[in-house]
């Protein structure tokens, strides 16, 4: 694949009353290179891979049966709570007058991770 480094620039016209610092900041923000786009793609791919790894560990924590776990640097707490939500289609139909009929309670389990204090 051939990658071409280029800068996408839009000319900035000085506006009456707009400080030069703002005009220069806009010029810097608008300078987007092909490398920026490629780096963003690589970062998003890394985030996706890392998210999958983290999710697998969180699943093991949730299924582990304990409320908390300690590592050498971090601790993790398994948080169990009920979450209430509403079906938006039913709410629209009922115009909110009969909210209790569209209430749906679901059980939610999440993991909170914080740095351990030495």
PDB file of N, CA and C in Angstrom:
ATOM      1  N   UNK A   1       0.822  -1.177   0.000  1.00  0.00           N
ATOM      2  CA  UNK A   1       0.000   0.000   0.000  1.00  0.00           C
ATOM      3  C   UNK A   1       0.863   1.237   0.000  1.00  0.00           C
ATOM      4  N   UNK A   2       0.442   2.238  -0.712  1.00  0.00           N
ATOM      5  CA  UNK A   2       1.170   3.497  -0.785  1.00  0.00           C
ATOM      6  C   UNK A   2       0.498   4.509   0.118  1.00  0.00           C
ATOM      7  N   UNK A   3       1.260   5.066   1.038  1.00  0.00           N
ATOM      8  CA  UNK A   3       0.737   6.102   1.913  1.00  0.00           C
ATOM      9  C   UNK A   3       1.384   7.424   1.525  1.00  0.00           C
ATOM     10  N   UNK A   4       0.576   8.421   1.369  1.00  0.00           N
ATOM     11  CA  UNK A   4       1.073   9.744   1.014  1.00  0.00           C
ATOM     12  C   UNK A   4       0.867  10.651   2.206  1.00  0.00           C
ATOM     13  N   UNK A   5       1.948  11.270   2.658  1.00  0.00           N
ATOM     14  CA  UNK A   5       1.837  12.226   3.746  1.00  0.00           C
ATOM     15  C   UNK A   5       1.368  13.549   3.182  1.00  0.00           C
ATOM     16  N   UNK A   6       0.265  14.016   3.668  1.00  0.00           N
ATOM     17  CA  UNK A   6      -0.232  15.300   3.210  1.00  0.00           C
ATOM     18  C   UNK A   6      -0.898  16.003   4.379  1.00  0.00           C
ATOM     19  N   UNK A   7      -1.060  17.275   4.233  1.00  0.00           N
ATOM     20  CA  UNK A   7      -1.717  18.075   5.254  1.00  0.00           C
ATOM     21  C   UNK A   7      -2.988  18.642   4.651  1.00  0.00           C
ATOM     22  N   UNK A   8      -4.091  18.480   5.383  1.00  0.00           N
ATOM     23  CA  UNK A   8      -5.355  19.042   4.947  1.00  0.00           C
ATOM     24  C   UNK A   8      -5.450  20.411   5.590  1.00  0.00           C
ATOM     25  N   UNK A   9      -5.408  21.437   4.773  1.00  0.00           N
ATOM     26  CA  UNK A   9      -5.444  22.798   5.294  1.00  0.00           C
ATOM     27  C   UNK A   9      -6.617  23.563   4.718  1.00  0.00           C
ATOM     28  N   UNK A  10      -7.219  24.344   5.548  1.00  0.00           N
ATOM     29  CA  UNK A  10      -8.245  25.274   5.116  1.00  0.00           C
ATOM     30  C   UNK A  10      -7.718  26.658   5.428  1.00  0.00           C
ATOM     31  N   UNK A  11      -7.691  27.535   4.448  1.00  0.00           N
ATOM     32  CA  UNK A  11      -7.170  28.876   4.743  1.00  0.00           C
ATOM     33  C   UNK A  11      -7.981  29.541   5.852  1.00  0.00           C
ATOM     34  N   UNK A  12      -7.279  30.207   6.738  1.00  0.00           N
ATOM     35  CA  UNK A  12      -7.925  30.903   7.846  1.00  0.00           C
ATOM     36  C   UNK A  12      -7.927  32.383   7.499  1.00  0.00           C
ATOM     37  N   UNK A  13      -9.082  32.940   7.480  1.00  0.00           N
ATOM     38  CA  UNK A  13      -9.222  34.363   7.184  1.00  0.00           C
ATOM     39  C   UNK A  13      -9.295  35.136   8.489  1.00  0.00           C
ATOM     40  N   UNK A  14      -8.475  36.167   8.623  1.00  0.00           N
ATOM     41  CA  UNK A  14      -8.563  36.959   9.850  1.00  0.00           C
ATOM     42  C   UNK A  14      -9.937  37.609   9.950  1.00  0.00           C
ATOM     43  N   UNK A  15     -10.553  37.456  11.118  1.00  0.00           N
ATOM     44  CA  UNK A  15     -11.848  38.080  11.380  1.00  0.00           C
ATOM     45  C   UNK A  15     -11.633  39.290  12.272  1.00  0.00           C
ATOM     46  N   UNK A  16     -12.408  40.304  12.032  1.00  0.00           N
ATOM     47  CA  UNK A  16     -12.322  41.496  12.875  1.00  0.00           C
ATOM     48  C   UNK A  16     -12.710  41.115  14.298  1.00  0.00           C
ATOM     49  N   UNK A  17     -11.864  41.424  15.242  1.00  0.00           N
ATOM     50  CA  UNK A  17     -12.175  41.175  16.639  1.00  0.00           C
ATOM     51  C   UNK A  17     -11.768  39.811  17.150  1.00  0.00           C
ATOM     52  N   UNK A  18     -11.275  38.910  16.280  1.00  0.00           N
ATOM     53  CA  UNK A  18     -10.847  37.587  16.729  1.00  0.00           C
ATOM     54  C   UNK A  18      -9.356  37.660  17.042  1.00  0.00           C
ATOM     55  N   UNK A  19      -8.979  37.324  18.278  1.00  0.00           N
ATOM     56  CA  UNK A  19      -7.562  37.402  18.651  1.00  0.00           C
ATOM     57  C   UNK A  19      -6.703  36.475  17.783  1.00  0.00           C
ATOM     58  N   UNK A  20      -5.484  36.921  17.527  1.00  0.00           N
ATOM     59  CA  UNK A  20      -4.550  36.150  16.706  1.00  0.00           C
ATOM     60  C   UNK A  20      -4.312  34.765  17.288  1.00  0.00           C
ATOM     61  N   UNK A  21      -4.305  34.616  18.626  1.00  0.00           N
ATOM     62  CA  UNK A  21      -4.083  33.311  19.257  1.00  0.00           C
ATOM     63  C   UNK A  21      -5.171  32.315  18.844  1.00  0.00           C
ATOM     64  N   UNK A  22      -6.410  32.784  18.733  1.00  0.00           N
ATOM     65  CA  UNK A  22      -7.518  31.916  18.333  1.00  0.00           C
ATOM     66  C   UNK A  22      -7.344  31.505  16.876  1.00  0.00           C
ATOM     67  N   UNK A  23      -6.956  32.447  16.046  1.00  0.00           N
ATOM     68  CA  UNK A  23      -6.752  32.145  14.621  1.00  0.00           C
ATOM     69  C   UNK A  23      -5.635  31.125  14.465  1.00  0.00           C
ATOM     70  N   UNK A  24      -4.538  31.289  15.200  1.00  0.00           N
ATOM     71  CA  UNK A  24      -3.417  30.357  15.114  1.00  0.00           C
ATOM     72  C   UNK A  24      -3.815  28.984  15.661  1.00  0.00           C
ATOM     73  N   UNK A  25      -4.589  28.952  16.733  1.00  0.00           N
ATOM     74  CA  UNK A  25      -5.042  27.677  17.294  1.00  0.00           C
ATOM     75  C   UNK A  25      -5.896  26.931  16.287  1.00  0.00           C
ATOM     76  N   UNK A  26      -6.759  27.646  15.563  1.00  0.00           N
ATOM     77  CA  UNK A  26      -7.573  27.008  14.539  1.00  0.00           C
ATOM     78  C   UNK A  26      -6.700  26.436  13.435  1.00  0.00           C
ATOM     79  N   UNK A  27      -5.648  27.140  13.073  1.00  0.00           N
ATOM     80  CA  UNK A  27      -4.746  26.666  12.029  1.00  0.00           C
ATOM     81  C   UNK A  27      -4.046  25.388  12.468  1.00  0.00           C
ATOM     82  N   UNK A  28      -3.630  25.328  13.713  1.00  0.00           N
ATOM     83  CA  UNK A  28      -2.953  24.136  14.224  1.00  0.00           C
ATOM     84  C   UNK A  28      -3.915  22.964  14.291  1.00  0.00           C
ATOM     85  N   UNK A  29      -5.129  23.196  14.771  1.00  0.00           N
ATOM     86  CA  UNK A  29      -6.124  22.133  14.888  1.00  0.00           C
ATOM     87  C   UNK A  29      -6.468  21.563  13.523  1.00  0.00           C
ATOM     88  N   UNK A  30      -6.501  22.399  12.489  1.00  0.00           N
ATOM     89  CA  UNK A  30      -6.907  21.954  11.171  1.00  0.00           C
ATOM     90  C   UNK A  30      -5.819  21.165  10.438  1.00  0.00           C
ATOM     91  N   UNK A  31      -4.581  21.193  10.911  1.00  0.00           N
ATOM     92  CA  UNK A  31      -3.488  20.486  10.256  1.00  0.00           C
ATOM     93  C   UNK A  31      -3.572  18.996  10.597  1.00  0.00           C
ATOM     94  N   UNK A  32      -4.228  18.225   9.756  1.00  0.00           N
ATOM     95  CA  UNK A  32      -4.387  16.785   9.963  1.00  0.00           C
ATOM     96  C   UNK A  32      -3.601  16.072   8.876  1.00  0.00           C
ATOM     97  N   UNK A  33      -2.706  15.182   9.294  1.00  0.00           N
ATOM     98  CA  UNK A  33      -1.882  14.480   8.320  1.00  0.00           C
ATOM     99  C   UNK A  33      -2.399  13.063   8.099  1.00  0.00           C
ATOM    100  N   UNK A  34      -1.912  12.439   7.037  1.00  0.00           N
ATOM    101  CA  UNK A  34      -2.243  11.039   6.779  1.00  0.00           C
ATOM    102  C   UNK A  34      -1.744  10.164   7.926  1.00  0.00           C
ATOM    103  N   UNK A  35      -0.600  10.552   8.505  1.00  0.00           N
ATOM    104  CA  UNK A  35      -0.082   9.814   9.668  1.00  0.00           C
ATOM    105  C   UNK A  35      -1.052   9.871  10.844  1.00  0.00           C
ATOM    106  N   UNK A  36      -1.698  11.026  11.029  1.00  0.00           N
ATOM    107  CA  UNK A  36      -2.690  11.143  12.100  1.00  0.00           C
ATOM    108  C   UNK A  36      -3.803  10.120  11.896  1.00  0.00           C
ATOM    109  N   UNK A  37      -4.272  10.005  10.680  1.00  0.00           N
ATOM    110  CA  UNK A  37      -5.361   9.077  10.380  1.00  0.00           C
ATOM    111  C   UNK A  37      -4.904   7.639  10.602  1.00  0.00           C
ATOM    112  N   UNK A  38      -3.691   7.316  10.121  1.00  0.00           N
ATOM    113  CA  UNK A  38      -3.165   5.961  10.311  1.00  0.00           C
ATOM    114  C   UNK A  38      -2.958   5.647  11.790  1.00  0.00           C
ATOM    115  N   UNK A  39      -2.412   6.614  12.529  1.00  0.00           N
ATOM    116  CA  UNK A  39      -2.214   6.413  13.967  1.00  0.00           C
ATOM    117  C   UNK A  39      -3.546   6.199  14.672  1.00  0.00           C
ATOM    118  N   UNK A  40      -4.559   6.955  14.264  1.00  0.00           N
ATOM    119  CA  UNK A  40      -5.874   6.776  14.869  1.00  0.00           C
ATOM    120  C   UNK A  40      -6.387   5.363  14.610  1.00  0.00           C
ATOM    121  N   UNK A  41      -6.232   4.873  13.390  1.00  0.00           N
ATOM    122  CA  UNK A  41      -6.654   3.508  13.070  1.00  0.00           C
ATOM    123  C   UNK A  41      -5.925   2.475  13.908  1.00  0.00           C
ATOM    124  N   UNK A  42      -4.616   2.664  14.067  1.00  0.00           N
ATOM    125  CA  UNK A  42      -3.810   1.739  14.864  1.00  0.00           C
ATOM    126  C   UNK A  42      -4.243   1.799  16.333  1.00  0.00           C
ATOM    127  N   UNK A  43      -4.455   3.009  16.841  1.00  0.00           N
ATOM    128  CA  UNK A  43      -4.894   3.155  18.235  1.00  0.00           C
ATOM    129  C   UNK A  43      -6.247   2.494  18.456  1.00  0.00           C
ATOM    130  N   UNK A  44      -7.182   2.702  17.541  1.00  0.00           N
ATOM    131  CA  UNK A  44      -8.506   2.098  17.695  1.00  0.00           C
ATOM    132  C   UNK A  44      -8.428   0.573  17.649  1.00  0.00           C
ATOM    133  N   UNK A  45      -7.545   0.049  16.800  1.00  0.00           N
ATOM    134  CA  UNK A  45      -7.353  -1.404  16.749  1.00  0.00           C
ATOM    135  C   UNK A  45      -6.764  -1.899  18.069  1.00  0.00           C
ATOM    136  N   UNK A  46      -5.781  -1.163  18.600  1.00  0.00           N
ATOM    137  CA  UNK A  46      -5.195  -1.525  19.899  1.00  0.00           C
ATOM    138  C   UNK A  46      -6.242  -1.465  21.004  1.00  0.00           C
ATOM    139  N   UNK A  47      -7.057  -0.417  20.986  1.00  0.00           N
ATOM    140  CA  UNK A  47      -8.111  -0.275  21.998  1.00  0.00           C
ATOM    141  C   UNK A  47      -9.075  -1.451  21.916  1.00  0.00           C
ATOM    142  N   UNK A  48      -9.430  -1.833  20.703  1.00  0.00           N
ATOM    143  CA  UNK A  48     -10.355  -2.960  20.525  1.00  0.00           C
ATOM    144  C   UNK A  48      -9.757  -4.242  21.091  1.00  0.00           C
ATOM    145  N   UNK A  49      -8.495  -4.494  20.771  1.00  0.00           N
ATOM    146  CA  UNK A  49      -7.815  -5.699  21.269  1.00  0.00           C
ATOM    147  C   UNK A  49      -7.708  -5.673  22.789  1.00  0.00           C
ATOM    148  N   UNK A  50      -7.300  -4.536  23.323  1.00  0.00           N
ATOM    149  CA  UNK A  50      -7.156  -4.412  24.769  1.00  0.00           C
ATOM    150  C   UNK A  50      -8.503  -4.505  25.483  1.00  0.00           C
ATOM    151  N   UNK A  51      -9.540  -3.951  24.880  1.00  0.00           N
ATOM    152  CA  UNK A  51     -10.884  -4.035  25.463  1.00  0.00           C
ATOM    153  C   UNK A  51     -11.337  -5.486  25.538  1.00  0.00           C
ATOM    154  N   UNK A  52     -11.060  -6.253  24.499  1.00  0.00           N
ATOM    155  CA  UNK A  52     -11.432  -7.675  24.514  1.00  0.00           C
ATOM    156  C   UNK A  52     -10.689  -8.409  25.628  1.00  0.00           C
ATOM    157  N   UNK A  53      -9.399  -8.102  25.802  1.00  0.00           N
ATOM    158  CA  UNK A  53      -8.633  -8.731  26.882  1.00  0.00           C
ATOM    159  C   UNK A  53      -9.186  -8.339  28.243  1.00  0.00           C
ATOM    160  N   UNK A  54      -9.484  -7.050  28.427  1.00  0.00           N
ATOM    161  CA  UNK A  54     -10.021  -6.577  29.700  1.00  0.00           C
ATOM    162  C   UNK A  54     -11.389  -7.201  29.967  1.00  0.00           C
ATOM    163  N   UNK A  55     -12.226  -7.280  28.939  1.00  0.00           N
ATOM    164  CA  UNK A  55     -13.559  -7.868  29.105  1.00  0.00           C
ATOM    165  C   UNK A  55     -13.472  -9.337  29.520  1.00  0.00           C
ATOM    166  N   UNK A  56     -12.510 -10.059  28.965  1.00  0.00           N
ATOM    167  CA  UNK A  56     -12.342 -11.471  29.330  1.00  0.00           C
ATOM    168  C   UNK A  56     -11.959 -11.599  30.811  1.00  0.00           C
ATOM    169  N   UNK A  57     -11.092 -10.710  31.282  1.00  0.00           N
ATOM    170  CA  UNK A  57     -10.701 -10.738  32.692  1.00  0.00           C
ATOM    171  C   UNK A  57     -11.886 -10.354  33.577  1.00  0.00           C
ATOM    172  N   UNK A  58     -12.655  -9.324  33.165  1.00  0.00           N
ATOM    173  CA  UNK A  58     -13.831  -8.915  33.941  1.00  0.00           C
ATOM    174  C   UNK A  58     -14.842 -10.047  34.030  1.00  0.00           C
ATOM    175  N   UNK A  59     -15.018 -10.785  32.948  1.00  0.00           N
ATOM    176  CA  UNK A  59     -15.944 -11.924  32.959  1.00  0.00           C
ATOM    177  C   UNK A  59     -15.494 -12.960  33.983  1.00  0.00           C
ATOM    178  N   UNK A  60     -14.181 -13.244  34.009  1.00  0.00           N
ATOM    179  CA  UNK A  60     -13.666 -14.197  34.986  1.00  0.00           C
ATOM    180  C   UNK A  60     -13.883 -13.695  36.408  1.00  0.00           C
ATOM    181  N   UNK A  61     -13.715 -12.382  36.630  1.00  0.00           N
ATOM    182  CA  UNK A  61     -13.941 -11.816  37.966  1.00  0.00           C
ATOM    183  C   UNK A  61     -15.405 -11.956  38.370  1.00  0.00           C
ATOM    184  N   UNK A  62     -16.310 -11.644  37.448  1.00  0.00           N
ATOM    185  CA  UNK A  62     -17.741 -11.745  37.740  1.00  0.00           C
ATOM    186  C   UNK A  62     -18.148 -13.178  38.048  1.00  0.00           C
ATOM    187  N   UNK A  63     -17.558 -14.132  37.330  1.00  0.00           N
ATOM    188  CA  UNK A  63     -17.899 -15.540  37.513  1.00  0.00           C
ATOM    189  C   UNK A  63     -17.126 -16.191  38.654  1.00  0.00           C
ATOM    190  N   UNK A  64     -16.126 -15.471  39.193  1.00  0.00           N
ATOM    191  CA  UNK A  64     -15.264 -16.029  40.234  1.00  0.00           C
ATOM    192  C   UNK A  64     -15.931 -16.209  41.581  1.00  0.00           C
ATOM    193  N   UNK A  65     -17.014 -15.498  41.820  1.00  0.00           N
ATOM    194  CA  UNK A  65     -17.766 -15.693  43.061  1.00  0.00           C
ATOM    195  C   UNK A  65     -17.347 -14.817  44.223  1.00  0.00           C
ATOM    196  N   UNK A  66     -16.269 -14.066  44.091  1.00  0.00           N
ATOM    197  CA  UNK A  66     -15.850 -13.186  45.178  1.00  0.00           C
ATOM    198  C   UNK A  66     -16.310 -11.755  44.901  1.00  0.00           C
ATOM    199  N   UNK A  67     -16.378 -10.956  45.970  1.00  0.00           N
ATOM    200  CA  UNK A  67     -16.770  -9.559  45.806  1.00  0.00           C
ATOM    201  C   UNK A  67     -15.592  -8.655  45.465  1.00  0.00           C
ATOM    202  N   UNK A  68     -14.376  -9.081  45.826  1.00  0.00           N
ATOM    203  CA  UNK A  68     -13.210  -8.256  45.525  1.00  0.00           C
ATOM    204  C   UNK A  68     -11.982  -9.134  45.301  1.00  0.00           C
ATOM    205  N   UNK A  69     -11.036  -8.574  44.570  1.00  0.00           N
ATOM    206  CA  UNK A  69      -9.788  -9.266  44.238  1.00  0.00           C
ATOM    207  C   UNK A  69      -8.647  -8.270  44.378  1.00  0.00           C
ATOM    208  N   UNK A  70      -7.493  -8.748  44.825  1.00  0.00           N
ATOM    209  CA  UNK A  70      -6.324  -7.892  44.966  1.00  0.00           C
ATOM    210  C   UNK A  70      -5.195  -8.378  44.081  1.00  0.00           C
ATOM    211  N   UNK A  71      -4.579  -7.420  43.399  1.00  0.00           N
ATOM    212  CA  UNK A  71      -3.354  -7.678  42.666  1.00  0.00           C
ATOM    213  C   UNK A  71      -2.213  -7.047  43.434  1.00  0.00           C
ATOM    214  N   UNK A  72      -1.045  -6.974  42.837  1.00  0.00           N
ATOM    215  CA  UNK A  72       0.088  -6.329  43.495  1.00  0.00           C
ATOM    216  C   UNK A  72      -0.065  -4.815  43.485  1.00  0.00           C
ATOM    217  N   UNK A  73      -0.682  -4.264  42.427  1.00  0.00           N
ATOM    218  CA  UNK A  73      -0.794  -2.821  42.262  1.00  0.00           C
ATOM    219  C   UNK A  73      -2.244  -2.340  42.323  1.00  0.00           C
ATOM    220  N   UNK A  74      -3.172  -3.147  41.829  1.00  0.00           N
ATOM    221  CA  UNK A  74      -4.574  -2.755  41.741  1.00  0.00           C
ATOM    222  C   UNK A  74      -5.463  -3.715  42.515  1.00  0.00           C
ATOM    223  N   UNK A  75      -6.640  -3.225  42.855  1.00  0.00           N
ATOM    224  CA  UNK A  75      -7.663  -4.096  43.407  1.00  0.00           C
ATOM    225  C   UNK A  75      -8.897  -3.947  42.533  1.00  0.00           C
ATOM    226  N   UNK A  76      -9.732  -4.975  42.496  1.00  0.00           N
ATOM    227  CA  UNK A  76     -10.948  -4.957  41.695  1.00  0.00           C
ATOM    228  C   UNK A  76     -12.120  -5.344  42.582  1.00  0.00           C
ATOM    229  N   UNK A  77     -13.219  -4.631  42.445  1.00  0.00           N
ATOM    230  CA  UNK A  77     -14.433  -4.901  43.209  1.00  0.00           C
ATOM    231  C   UNK A  77     -15.536  -5.255  42.225  1.00  0.00           C
ATOM    232  N   UNK A  78     -16.217  -6.357  42.466  1.00  0.00           N
ATOM    233  CA  UNK A  78     -17.352  -6.760  41.637  1.00  0.00           C
ATOM    234  C   UNK A  78     -18.582  -6.094  42.229  1.00  0.00           C
ATOM    235  N   UNK A  79     -19.240  -5.258  41.441  1.00  0.00           N
ATOM    236  CA  UNK A  79     -20.388  -4.489  41.910  1.00  0.00           C
ATOM    237  C   UNK A  79     -21.654  -5.069  41.290  1.00  0.00           C
ATOM    238  N   UNK A  80     -22.591  -5.467  42.161  1.00  0.00           N
ATOM    239  CA  UNK A  80     -23.864  -6.012  41.687  1.00  0.00           C
ATOM    240  C   UNK A  80     -24.960  -5.017  42.044  1.00  0.00           C
ATOM    241  N   UNK A  81     -25.805  -4.717  41.076  1.00  0.00           N
ATOM    242  CA  UNK A  81     -26.889  -3.776  41.319  1.00  0.00           C
ATOM    243  C   UNK A  81     -28.022  -4.034  40.337  1.00  0.00           C
ATOM    244  N   UNK A  82     -29.180  -3.544  40.677  1.00  0.00           N
ATOM    245  CA  UNK A  82     -30.322  -3.616  39.769  1.00  0.00           C
ATOM    246  C   UNK A  82     -30.374  -2.312  38.987  1.00  0.00           C
ATOM    247  N   UNK A  83     -30.722  -2.405  37.729  1.00  0.00           N
ATOM    248  CA  UNK A  83     -30.832  -1.222  36.883  1.00  0.00           C
ATOM    249  C   UNK A  83     -32.230  -1.197  36.289  1.00  0.00           C
ATOM    250  N   UNK A  84     -32.879  -0.061  36.385  1.00  0.00           N
ATOM    251  CA  UNK A  84     -34.215   0.102  35.827  1.00  0.00           C
ATOM    252  C   UNK A  84     -34.121   0.905  34.537  1.00  0.00           C
ATOM    253  N   UNK A  85     -34.803   0.443  33.508  1.00  0.00           N
ATOM    254  CA  UNK A  85     -34.833   1.179  32.249  1.00  0.00           C
ATOM    255  C   UNK A  85     -36.248   1.158  31.693  1.00  0.00           C
ATOM    256  N   UNK A  86     -36.496   1.967  30.688  1.00  0.00           N
ATOM    257  CA  UNK A  86     -37.823   2.074  30.091  1.00  0.00           C
ATOM    258  C   UNK A  86     -37.750   1.814  28.594  1.00  0.00           C
ATOM    259  N   UNK A  87     -38.754   1.125  28.090  1.00  0.00           N
ATOM    260  CA  UNK A  87     -38.868   0.859  26.666  1.00  0.00           C
ATOM    261  C   UNK A  87     -39.361   2.141  25.995  1.00  0.00           C
ATOM    262  N   UNK A  88     -38.527   2.795  25.202  1.00  0.00           N
ATOM    263  CA  UNK A  88     -38.906   4.090  24.642  1.00  0.00           C
ATOM    264  C   UNK A  88     -40.146   4.039  23.741  1.00  0.00           C
ATOM    265  N   UNK A  89     -40.348   2.935  23.046  1.00  0.00           N
ATOM    266  CA  UNK A  89     -41.532   2.822  22.179  1.00  0.00           C
ATOM    267  C   UNK A  89     -42.815   2.822  22.995  1.00  0.00           C
ATOM    268  N   UNK A  90     -42.790   2.074  24.093  1.00  0.00           N
ATOM    269  CA  UNK A  90     -43.974   2.023  24.948  1.00  0.00           C
ATOM    270  C   UNK A  90     -44.206   3.366  25.639  1.00  0.00           C
ATOM    271  N   UNK A  91     -43.120   4.018  26.043  1.00  0.00           N
ATOM    272  CA  UNK A  91     -43.256   5.324  26.688  1.00  0.00           C
ATOM    273  C   UNK A  91     -43.904   6.307  25.717  1.00  0.00           C
ATOM    274  N   UNK A  92     -43.481   6.258  24.459  1.00  0.00           N
ATOM    275  CA  UNK A  92     -44.094   7.132  23.452  1.00  0.00           C
ATOM    276  C   UNK A  92     -45.580   6.835  23.309  1.00  0.00           C
ATOM    277  N   UNK A  93     -45.926   5.554  23.244  1.00  0.00           N
ATOM    278  CA  UNK A  93     -47.327   5.174  23.100  1.00  0.00           C
ATOM    279  C   UNK A  93     -48.163   5.646  24.278  1.00  0.00           C
ATOM    280  N   UNK A  94     -47.620   5.511  25.452  1.00  0.00           N
ATOM    281  CA  UNK A  94     -48.378   5.842  26.662  1.00  0.00           C
ATOM    282  C   UNK A  94     -48.177   7.286  27.120  1.00  0.00           C
ATOM    283  N   UNK A  95     -47.295   7.994  26.458  1.00  0.00           N
ATOM    284  CA  UNK A  95     -47.032   9.403  26.785  1.00  0.00           C
ATOM    285  C   UNK A  95     -46.639   9.626  28.239  1.00  0.00           C
ATOM    286  N   UNK A  96     -46.053   8.622  28.804  1.00  0.00           N
ATOM    287  CA  UNK A  96     -45.521   8.773  30.154  1.00  0.00           C
ATOM    288  C   UNK A  96     -46.549   8.697  31.270  1.00  0.00           C
ATOM    289  N   UNK A  97     -47.834   8.564  30.951  1.00  0.00           N
ATOM    290  CA  UNK A  97     -48.863   8.529  31.991  1.00  0.00           C
ATOM    291  C   UNK A  97     -48.837   7.236  32.803  1.00  0.00           C
ATOM    292  N   UNK A  98     -48.438   6.167  32.181  1.00  0.00           N
ATOM    293  CA  UNK A  98     -48.453   4.869  32.853  1.00  0.00           C
ATOM    294  C   UNK A  98     -47.048   4.273  32.885  1.00  0.00           C
ATOM    295  N   UNK A  99     -46.101   5.028  33.401  1.00  0.00           N
ATOM    296  CA  UNK A  99     -44.689   4.645  33.382  1.00  0.00           C
ATOM    297  C   UNK A  99     -44.458   3.281  34.034  1.00  0.00           C
ATOM    298  N   UNK A 100     -45.166   2.967  35.075  1.00  0.00           N
ATOM    299  CA  UNK A 100     -44.928   1.706  35.778  1.00  0.00           C
ATOM    300  C   UNK A 100     -45.209   0.492  34.888  1.00  0.00           C
ATOM    301  N   UNK A 101     -46.047   0.638  33.872  1.00  0.00           N
ATOM    302  CA  UNK A 101     -46.344  -0.486  32.987  1.00  0.00           C
ATOM    303  C   UNK A 101     -45.219  -0.760  32.004  1.00  0.00           C
ATOM    304  N   UNK A 102     -44.320   0.185  31.815  1.00  0.00           N
ATOM    305  CA  UNK A 102     -43.219  -0.023  30.870  1.00  0.00           C
ATOM    306  C   UNK A 102     -41.875  -0.170  31.585  1.00  0.00           C
ATOM    307  N   UNK A 103     -41.915  -0.210  32.895  1.00  0.00           N
ATOM    308  CA  UNK A 103     -40.685  -0.350  33.668  1.00  0.00           C
ATOM    309  C   UNK A 103     -40.121  -1.751  33.522  1.00  0.00           C
ATOM    310  N   UNK A 104     -38.820  -1.830  33.312  1.00  0.00           N
ATOM    311  CA  UNK A 104     -38.140  -3.113  33.177  1.00  0.00           C
ATOM    312  C   UNK A 104     -36.904  -3.071  34.069  1.00  0.00           C
ATOM    313  N   UNK A 105     -36.799  -4.001  34.990  1.00  0.00           N
ATOM    314  CA  UNK A 105     -35.666  -4.065  35.904  1.00  0.00           C
ATOM    315  C   UNK A 105     -34.761  -5.206  35.455  1.00  0.00           C
ATOM    316  N   UNK A 106     -33.489  -4.894  35.289  1.00  0.00           N
ATOM    317  CA  UNK A 106     -32.539  -5.932  34.903  1.00  0.00           C
ATOM    318  C   UNK A 106     -31.373  -5.942  35.884  1.00  0.00           C
ATOM    319  N   UNK A 107     -30.830  -7.108  36.123  1.00  0.00           N
ATOM    320  CA  UNK A 107     -29.695  -7.239  37.032  1.00  0.00           C
ATOM    321  C   UNK A 107     -28.425  -6.893  36.263  1.00  0.00           C
ATOM    322  N   UNK A 108     -27.548  -6.113  36.893  1.00  0.00           N
ATOM    323  CA  UNK A 108     -26.319  -5.661  36.267  1.00  0.00           C
ATOM    324  C   UNK A 108     -25.157  -5.957  37.200  1.00  0.00           C
ATOM    325  N   UNK A 109     -24.102  -6.494  36.649  1.00  0.00           N
ATOM    326  CA  UNK A 109     -22.874  -6.728  37.404  1.00  0.00           C
ATOM    327  C   UNK A 109     -21.742  -6.016  36.676  1.00  0.00           C
ATOM    328  N   UNK A 110     -20.970  -5.213  37.393  1.00  0.00           N
ATOM    329  CA  UNK A 110     -19.840  -4.498  36.791  1.00  0.00           C
ATOM    330  C   UNK A 110     -18.613  -4.658  37.668  1.00  0.00           C
ATOM    331  N   UNK A 111     -17.491  -4.263  37.139  1.00  0.00           N
ATOM    332  CA  UNK A 111     -16.230  -4.340  37.880  1.00  0.00           C
ATOM    333  C   UNK A 111     -15.623  -2.950  37.943  1.00  0.00           C
ATOM    334  N   UNK A 112     -15.238  -2.514  39.141  1.00  0.00           N
ATOM    335  CA  UNK A 112     -14.569  -1.244  39.344  1.00  0.00           C
ATOM    336  C   UNK A 112     -13.115  -1.533  39.682  1.00  0.00           C
ATOM    337  N   UNK A 113     -12.192  -0.890  38.982  1.00  0.00           N
ATOM    338  CA  UNK A 113     -10.759  -1.112  39.236  1.00  0.00           C
ATOM    339  C   UNK A 113     -10.142   0.197  39.708  1.00  0.00           C
ATOM    340  N   UNK A 114      -9.400   0.135  40.806  1.00  0.00           N
ATOM    341  CA  UNK A 114      -8.703   1.329  41.325  1.00  0.00           C
ATOM    342  C   UNK A 114      -7.290   0.955  41.702  1.00  0.00           C
ATOM    343  N   UNK A 115      -6.399   1.938  41.700  1.00  0.00           N
ATOM    344  CA  UNK A 115      -5.017   1.694  42.107  1.00  0.00           C
ATOM    345  C   UNK A 115      -4.977   1.430  43.609  1.00  0.00           C
ATOM    346  N   UNK A 116      -4.196   0.441  43.994  1.00  0.00           N
ATOM    347  CA  UNK A 116      -4.058   0.131  45.420  1.00  0.00           C
ATOM    348  C   UNK A 116      -3.081   1.100  46.058  1.00  0.00           C
ATOM    349  N   UNK A 117      -3.338   1.421  47.290  1.00  0.00           N
ATOM    350  CA  UNK A 117      -2.428   2.293  48.037  1.00  0.00           C
ATOM    351  C   UNK A 117      -1.330   1.425  48.640  1.00  0.00           C
ATOM    352  N   UNK A 118      -0.109   1.896  48.536  1.00  0.00           N
ATOM    353  CA  UNK A 118       1.042   1.137  49.044  1.00  0.00           C
ATOM    354  C   UNK A 118       1.078   1.059  50.532  1.00  0.00           C
TER     355      UNK A 118
END
